[in-house]
Amino acid sequence: MLTRELMEEVRRLQIRTRRRVDDLFAGEYHSAFLGKGIEFAEVREYAPGDDVRDIDWNVTARAGKPFIKRYIEERQLTVMLMIDASASGLFGTIAKTKHRLIAETGAAIAYTALRNNDRVGLLRFSDEIDLYLPPKKGPRHMMRTLRELLGGEPAGAGTAFVRALETMGSVLHQRSIIFLASDFLPPPGASVDDLARPLAVLSRRHDVIALRATDPRERTLPKVGLVELADPETGERVLFDTSSRKLRRRHAELAAEQRRESDRLLARTGVDVIDLSTDRPFGIELEHYFRMRERRRTRR
C-alpha cells in the first residue's frame, strides 16, 4: 500500500529532479552516452566546413557538384539502476542517509534518461533480489520507478551482491548502461574481492558505472566521548570511546584501506566510479562525470 505521505514525497522528488536535470546535466548526459549507432537520413549539398569524409561520391558524380551524407543518431539506450538496499545504507549523519542519497541520484538519472527517450529499468537487492522492473519508457513507468526508489521495502538486511550481479547479467540481453549504486561495504566474513569475477563479467558485456555512497563519519569519527555503534546488517553492538586519539586514527586508517580496496576492485574490473557523499549535492558529481566521459569519448 502506498501512503499519502509517500506519494507526496514522490511528487516532491519528481519536481526537484526535473529542475535539477533541466539546470545541470541533461545536455551532458546526451553527449556522454551515445546510442547504438547512426542511421542514414538524407544527402544534401556540400557547404564550407562540412567534413569531406561525408561526401557521397556517387551522388556527387551524377549531380556534378559535391553532396554529403547526413546521419542521425540512433539512441534507444537501455539504462539500468542497480540499487543496493542493504541495511548499511540506513546510516547518515549529515543531511540524509546513504539510502536517500542513492534514491535521489537514481531518480535524477532515470528522469534524464527518460527525457532523452531512453529506456530505464530497476533492480533492487538486499540479501536477495527484492525487485526487478524491466526497462521501459513513459511517465507511468517513471512514477513507478520513483516510488520503488523511495518507498521500496528490502527483504532483508544483508547484501547478496554476487547474486545481484549474476542476475543482472542474465536478464539483460543487449548492451546496456548500468548504474551500480552501493556503499561497497562488504558484509561480515566477505571482502570486495569476492565481487571481482562477477563484476568483471558484467562489465565486459555492459557499460557499468559505480555510484559509491559514503558518509563523512564513516571516514572520520568525531571526538564526542562514549558512543555505542551497531552493525545494521548483523545487529552487533560495540561501545567506542571516541575521546581516544588512537582509536580515531585506527578508524580512519581502516576506512581508508577499505576505500583503497574498493578503488582497486573497480579499476581492475573496468568500472568507472562516481563518488557521492551525504554532505554535498550529488548533481555536481554527476555533471562532472558526464563532461569527463564526453571529453574522453571525443579524444578516442
Protein backbone atom coordinates (compact mmCIF):
# COMPACT_ATOMS: atom_id res chain seq x y z
CA MET A 1 0.00 0.00 0.00
CA LEU A 2 1.25 3.48 -0.89
CA THR A 3 0.72 6.01 1.87
CA ARG A 4 -0.34 9.57 1.17
CA GLU A 5 2.96 10.76 2.65
CA LEU A 6 4.94 8.57 0.26
CA MET A 7 3.01 9.78 -2.78
CA GLU A 8 3.52 13.40 -1.74
CA GLU A 9 7.24 12.75 -1.33
CA VAL A 10 7.36 11.08 -4.75
CA ARG A 11 5.76 14.14 -6.32
CA ARG A 12 8.16 16.48 -4.50
CA LEU A 13 11.11 14.39 -5.63
CA GLN A 14 9.81 14.42 -9.22
CA ILE A 15 9.63 18.23 -9.19
CA ARG A 16 13.10 18.62 -7.64
CA THR A 17 14.57 16.06 -10.01
CA ARG A 18 13.11 17.76 -13.08
CA ARG A 19 14.58 21.09 -12.01
CA ARG A 20 18.00 19.58 -11.34
CA VAL A 21 18.02 17.84 -14.71
CA ASP A 22 16.97 20.98 -16.56
CA ASP A 23 19.53 23.13 -14.76
CA LEU A 24 22.54 20.86 -14.58
CA PHE A 25 23.23 17.95 -16.84
CA ALA A 26 20.62 16.98 -19.42
CA GLY A 27 22.87 18.03 -22.32
CA GLU A 28 25.96 16.47 -20.78
CA TYR A 29 24.17 13.13 -20.42
CA HIS A 30 23.21 13.08 -24.10
CA SER A 31 26.78 13.82 -25.17
CA ALA A 32 28.33 11.34 -22.75
CA PHE A 33 26.27 8.31 -23.77
CA LEU A 34 25.98 7.54 -27.44
CA GLY A 35 23.27 5.40 -28.94
CA LYS A 36 23.77 2.06 -30.64
CA GLY A 37 24.85 3.60 -33.92
CA ILE A 38 23.95 6.05 -36.64
CA GLU A 39 21.24 5.90 -39.25
CA PHE A 40 21.37 7.39 -42.75
CA ALA A 41 18.90 10.26 -43.13
CA GLU A 42 19.48 12.08 -46.43
CA VAL A 43 22.00 13.76 -48.72
CA ARG A 44 22.39 17.49 -49.04
CA GLU A 45 24.64 19.85 -50.93
CA TYR A 46 28.11 20.32 -49.51
CA ALA A 47 28.72 23.54 -47.52
CA PRO A 48 32.05 25.03 -46.41
CA GLY A 49 33.10 23.48 -43.12
CA ASP A 50 31.46 20.09 -43.76
CA ASP A 51 33.62 17.00 -43.24
CA VAL A 52 34.88 15.85 -46.64
CA ARG A 53 34.76 12.26 -45.40
CA ASP A 54 30.94 12.50 -45.53
CA ILE A 55 30.87 13.25 -49.28
CA ASP A 56 28.64 10.88 -51.24
CA TRP A 57 30.75 10.37 -54.33
CA ASN A 58 28.05 8.60 -56.35
CA VAL A 59 25.56 11.46 -55.93
CA THR A 60 28.35 14.00 -56.45
CA ALA A 61 29.30 12.37 -59.75
CA ARG A 62 25.71 12.36 -61.02
CA ALA A 63 24.96 15.91 -59.88
CA GLY A 64 28.23 17.46 -60.95
CA LYS A 65 28.67 19.17 -57.58
CA PRO A 66 29.50 17.82 -54.11
CA PHE A 67 26.85 16.34 -51.86
CA ILE A 68 27.33 14.88 -48.38
CA LYS A 69 25.54 12.15 -46.46
CA ARG A 70 23.64 13.22 -43.37
CA TYR A 71 23.12 10.85 -40.46
CA ILE A 72 21.06 10.86 -37.31
CA GLU A 73 21.98 9.14 -34.08
CA GLU A 74 20.07 6.03 -33.06
CA ARG A 75 19.68 6.35 -29.29
CA GLN A 76 17.41 3.68 -27.84
CA LEU A 77 19.73 3.21 -24.89
CA THR A 78 18.84 0.94 -22.01
CA VAL A 79 19.75 2.35 -18.60
CA MET A 80 19.56 0.07 -15.56
CA LEU A 81 19.60 1.27 -11.96
CA MET A 82 21.09 -1.45 -9.75
CA ILE A 83 20.39 -0.45 -6.14
CA ASP A 84 21.98 -1.92 -3.02
CA ALA A 85 19.21 -1.69 -0.40
CA SER A 86 21.10 -3.45 2.41
CA ALA A 87 20.86 -2.05 5.93
CA SER A 88 24.28 -0.34 5.87
CA GLY A 89 22.65 2.29 3.67
CA LEU A 90 20.48 3.41 6.60
CA PHE A 91 23.48 5.26 8.01
CA GLY A 92 23.62 9.03 7.64
CA THR A 93 24.82 11.79 9.96
CA ILE A 94 24.59 14.99 7.89
CA ALA A 95 21.64 15.85 5.66
CA LYS A 96 20.38 12.38 4.68
CA THR A 97 21.06 8.66 4.78
CA LYS A 98 23.03 6.85 2.11
CA HIS A 99 19.79 5.19 1.01
CA ARG A 100 18.17 8.58 0.47
CA LEU A 101 21.23 9.86 -1.39
CA ILE A 102 21.14 6.84 -3.70
CA ALA A 103 17.38 7.22 -4.25
CA GLU A 104 17.68 10.90 -5.24
CA THR A 105 20.65 10.25 -7.51
CA GLY A 106 18.89 7.31 -9.14
CA ALA A 107 15.79 9.43 -9.69
CA ALA A 108 17.83 12.14 -11.44
CA ILE A 109 19.49 9.58 -13.71
CA ALA A 110 16.16 7.92 -14.51
CA TYR A 111 14.50 11.25 -15.33
CA THR A 112 17.44 12.31 -17.51
CA ALA A 113 17.41 9.02 -19.41
CA LEU A 114 13.65 9.03 -19.99
CA ARG A 115 13.79 12.64 -21.14
CA ASN A 116 16.36 11.53 -23.73
CA ASN A 117 13.94 8.81 -24.90
CA ASP A 118 16.00 6.01 -23.35
CA ARG A 119 14.54 3.03 -21.53
CA VAL A 120 15.04 2.72 -17.77
CA GLY A 121 14.90 -0.36 -15.55
CA LEU A 122 15.50 -1.07 -11.88
CA LEU A 123 16.96 -3.95 -9.91
CA ARG A 124 16.98 -3.62 -6.11
CA PHE A 125 18.68 -6.12 -3.84
CA SER A 126 19.39 -6.74 -0.17
CA ASP A 127 20.13 -10.30 0.99
CA GLU A 128 18.11 -11.41 -2.03
CA ILE A 129 16.70 -9.85 -5.20
CA ASP A 130 13.94 -7.60 -3.87
CA LEU A 131 12.61 -6.18 -7.12
CA TYR A 132 13.19 -6.20 -10.86
CA LEU A 133 11.48 -3.67 -13.13
CA PRO A 134 12.20 -4.37 -16.82
CA PRO A 135 13.39 -1.31 -18.76
CA LYS A 136 10.57 0.79 -20.19
CA LYS A 137 9.68 4.35 -21.13
CA GLY A 138 6.87 6.71 -20.22
CA PRO A 139 5.62 8.85 -17.30
CA ARG A 140 3.81 5.98 -15.55
CA HIS A 141 6.99 3.93 -15.53
CA MET A 142 8.88 6.94 -14.19
CA MET A 143 6.43 7.27 -11.28
CA ARG A 144 6.70 3.56 -10.51
CA THR A 145 10.50 3.83 -10.51
CA LEU A 146 10.40 6.81 -8.13
CA ARG A 147 8.02 5.01 -5.78
CA GLU A 148 10.29 1.99 -5.62
CA LEU A 149 13.41 4.09 -5.14
CA LEU A 150 11.85 5.96 -2.22
CA GLY A 151 9.48 3.53 -0.60
CA GLY A 152 10.50 0.03 -1.58
CA GLU A 153 10.99 -2.32 1.38
CA PRO A 154 14.07 -4.58 1.22
CA ALA A 155 13.53 -8.24 2.01
CA GLY A 156 16.42 -8.36 4.47
CA ALA A 157 19.37 -6.51 5.96
CA GLY A 158 22.23 -8.29 4.20
CA THR A 159 23.91 -7.86 0.83
CA ALA A 160 23.56 -10.53 -1.87
CA PHE A 161 25.96 -8.65 -4.13
CA VAL A 162 27.26 -11.60 -6.17
CA ARG A 163 23.78 -12.95 -6.83
CA ALA A 164 22.59 -9.49 -7.87
CA LEU A 165 25.45 -9.11 -10.36
CA GLU A 166 24.77 -12.54 -11.83
CA THR A 167 21.04 -11.83 -12.05
CA MET A 168 21.62 -8.54 -13.84
CA GLY A 169 23.82 -10.30 -16.38
CA SER A 170 21.15 -12.93 -17.03
CA VAL A 171 18.19 -10.55 -17.56
CA LEU A 172 19.94 -8.10 -19.92
CA HIS A 173 20.26 -9.44 -23.44
CA GLN A 174 21.64 -6.33 -25.14
CA ARG A 175 24.41 -3.97 -24.15
CA SER A 176 23.16 -1.54 -21.51
CA ILE A 177 24.36 1.22 -19.19
CA ILE A 178 24.25 0.02 -15.58
CA PHE A 179 24.48 2.44 -12.66
CA LEU A 180 25.50 0.28 -9.69
CA ALA A 181 24.63 2.22 -6.52
CA SER A 182 26.12 0.99 -3.25
CA ASP A 183 28.40 1.91 -0.37
CA PHE A 184 30.57 -1.07 -1.36
CA LEU A 185 30.95 -2.15 2.27
CA PRO A 186 31.46 -5.94 2.28
CA PRO A 187 29.20 -8.00 4.56
CA PRO A 188 30.77 -9.74 7.58
CA GLY A 189 33.14 -12.51 6.56
CA ALA A 190 33.41 -11.27 2.97
CA SER A 191 35.61 -8.86 1.07
CA VAL A 192 35.28 -6.68 -2.00
CA ASP A 193 37.48 -9.20 -3.85
CA ASP A 194 34.54 -11.62 -3.83
CA LEU A 195 32.87 -9.29 -6.34
CA ALA A 196 35.78 -9.23 -8.79
CA ARG A 197 34.79 -12.08 -11.09
CA PRO A 198 31.01 -11.41 -11.43
CA LEU A 199 31.62 -7.66 -11.73
CA ALA A 200 34.28 -8.18 -14.43
CA VAL A 201 31.92 -10.46 -16.38
CA LEU A 202 29.13 -7.87 -16.21
CA SER A 203 31.49 -5.04 -17.14
CA ARG A 204 32.72 -6.84 -20.26
CA ARG A 205 29.18 -7.11 -21.60
CA HIS A 206 27.79 -3.78 -20.39
CA ASP A 207 28.85 -0.24 -19.51
CA VAL A 208 28.94 -0.35 -15.70
CA ILE A 209 29.29 2.83 -13.62
CA ALA A 210 29.55 2.68 -9.82
CA LEU A 211 27.71 5.21 -7.67
CA ARG A 212 29.66 4.92 -4.40
CA ALA A 213 27.74 6.43 -1.48
CA THR A 214 29.53 7.44 1.71
CA ASP A 215 29.01 9.49 4.87
CA PRO A 216 31.74 11.69 6.44
CA ARG A 217 31.50 9.85 9.78
CA GLU A 218 32.48 6.63 8.06
CA ARG A 219 35.81 8.24 7.24
CA THR A 220 36.48 10.17 10.47
CA LEU A 221 34.98 9.78 13.94
CA PRO A 222 34.21 12.96 15.90
CA LYS A 223 35.52 13.38 19.44
CA VAL A 224 32.27 13.03 21.40
CA GLY A 225 33.15 10.58 24.19
CA LEU A 226 31.50 7.18 24.63
CA VAL A 227 29.39 6.09 21.65
CA GLU A 228 27.57 2.79 21.08
CA LEU A 229 27.67 1.74 17.44
CA ALA A 230 25.56 -1.01 15.89
CA ASP A 231 26.15 -3.00 12.73
CA PRO A 232 22.80 -2.64 10.91
CA GLU A 233 23.28 -5.88 8.98
CA THR A 234 24.21 -8.15 11.93
CA GLY A 235 22.85 -6.24 14.93
CA GLU A 236 26.22 -6.47 16.71
CA ARG A 237 26.83 -3.56 19.10
CA VAL A 238 30.18 -2.12 20.19
CA LEU A 239 30.97 0.64 22.68
CA PHE A 240 33.61 3.12 21.45
CA ASP A 241 35.48 5.79 23.40
CA THR A 242 35.88 8.42 20.68
CA SER A 243 37.96 10.60 23.01
CA SER A 244 40.82 8.17 22.28
CA ARG A 245 43.05 9.65 19.56
CA LYS A 246 44.48 6.19 18.88
CA LEU A 247 41.02 4.75 18.26
CA ARG A 248 40.00 7.61 15.95
CA ARG A 249 43.25 7.24 14.00
CA ARG A 250 42.76 3.48 13.67
CA HIS A 251 39.19 4.01 12.48
CA ALA A 252 40.41 6.45 9.79
CA GLU A 253 43.14 4.02 8.69
CA LEU A 254 40.69 1.13 8.33
CA ALA A 255 38.23 3.32 6.41
CA ALA A 256 41.00 4.49 4.05
CA GLU A 257 42.15 0.90 3.45
CA GLN A 258 38.58 -0.19 2.74
CA ARG A 259 38.25 2.60 0.22
CA ARG A 260 41.54 1.64 -1.46
CA GLU A 261 40.29 -1.94 -1.78
CA SER A 262 37.11 -0.67 -3.40
CA ASP A 263 39.17 1.54 -5.74
CA ARG A 264 41.30 -1.44 -6.77
CA LEU A 265 38.25 -3.59 -7.41
CA LEU A 266 36.57 -1.02 -9.65
CA ALA A 267 39.77 -0.24 -11.55
CA ARG A 268 40.57 -3.93 -12.06
CA THR A 269 37.09 -4.68 -13.43
CA GLY A 270 36.97 -1.63 -15.73
CA VAL A 271 34.18 0.14 -13.84
CA ASP A 272 34.02 3.94 -13.66
CA VAL A 273 33.14 5.40 -10.26
CA ILE A 274 31.16 8.48 -9.21
CA ASP A 275 31.72 9.28 -5.54
CA LEU A 276 28.67 10.58 -3.67
CA SER A 277 28.55 11.84 -0.10
CA THR A 278 25.64 12.66 2.19
CA ASP A 279 27.14 16.10 2.96
CA ARG A 280 27.16 17.55 -0.55
CA PRO A 281 24.84 17.83 -3.60
CA PHE A 282 25.08 14.85 -5.94
CA GLY A 283 24.42 16.91 -9.09
CA ILE A 284 27.95 18.31 -9.13
CA GLU A 285 29.49 14.83 -9.26
CA LEU A 286 27.10 13.65 -11.99
CA GLU A 287 27.69 16.70 -14.15
CA HIS A 288 31.47 16.37 -13.72
CA TYR A 289 31.37 12.70 -14.71
CA PHE A 290 29.20 13.28 -17.78
CA ARG A 291 31.56 16.00 -19.00
CA MET A 292 34.64 13.90 -18.30
CA ARG A 293 33.14 10.97 -20.17
CA GLU A 294 32.24 13.15 -23.17
CA ARG A 295 35.81 14.52 -23.29
CA ARG A 296 37.23 11.03 -23.06
CA ARG A 297 34.99 9.85 -25.89
CA THR A 298 35.96 12.71 -28.22
CA ARG A 299 39.69 12.01 -27.68
CA ARG A 300 39.34 8.47 -29.00
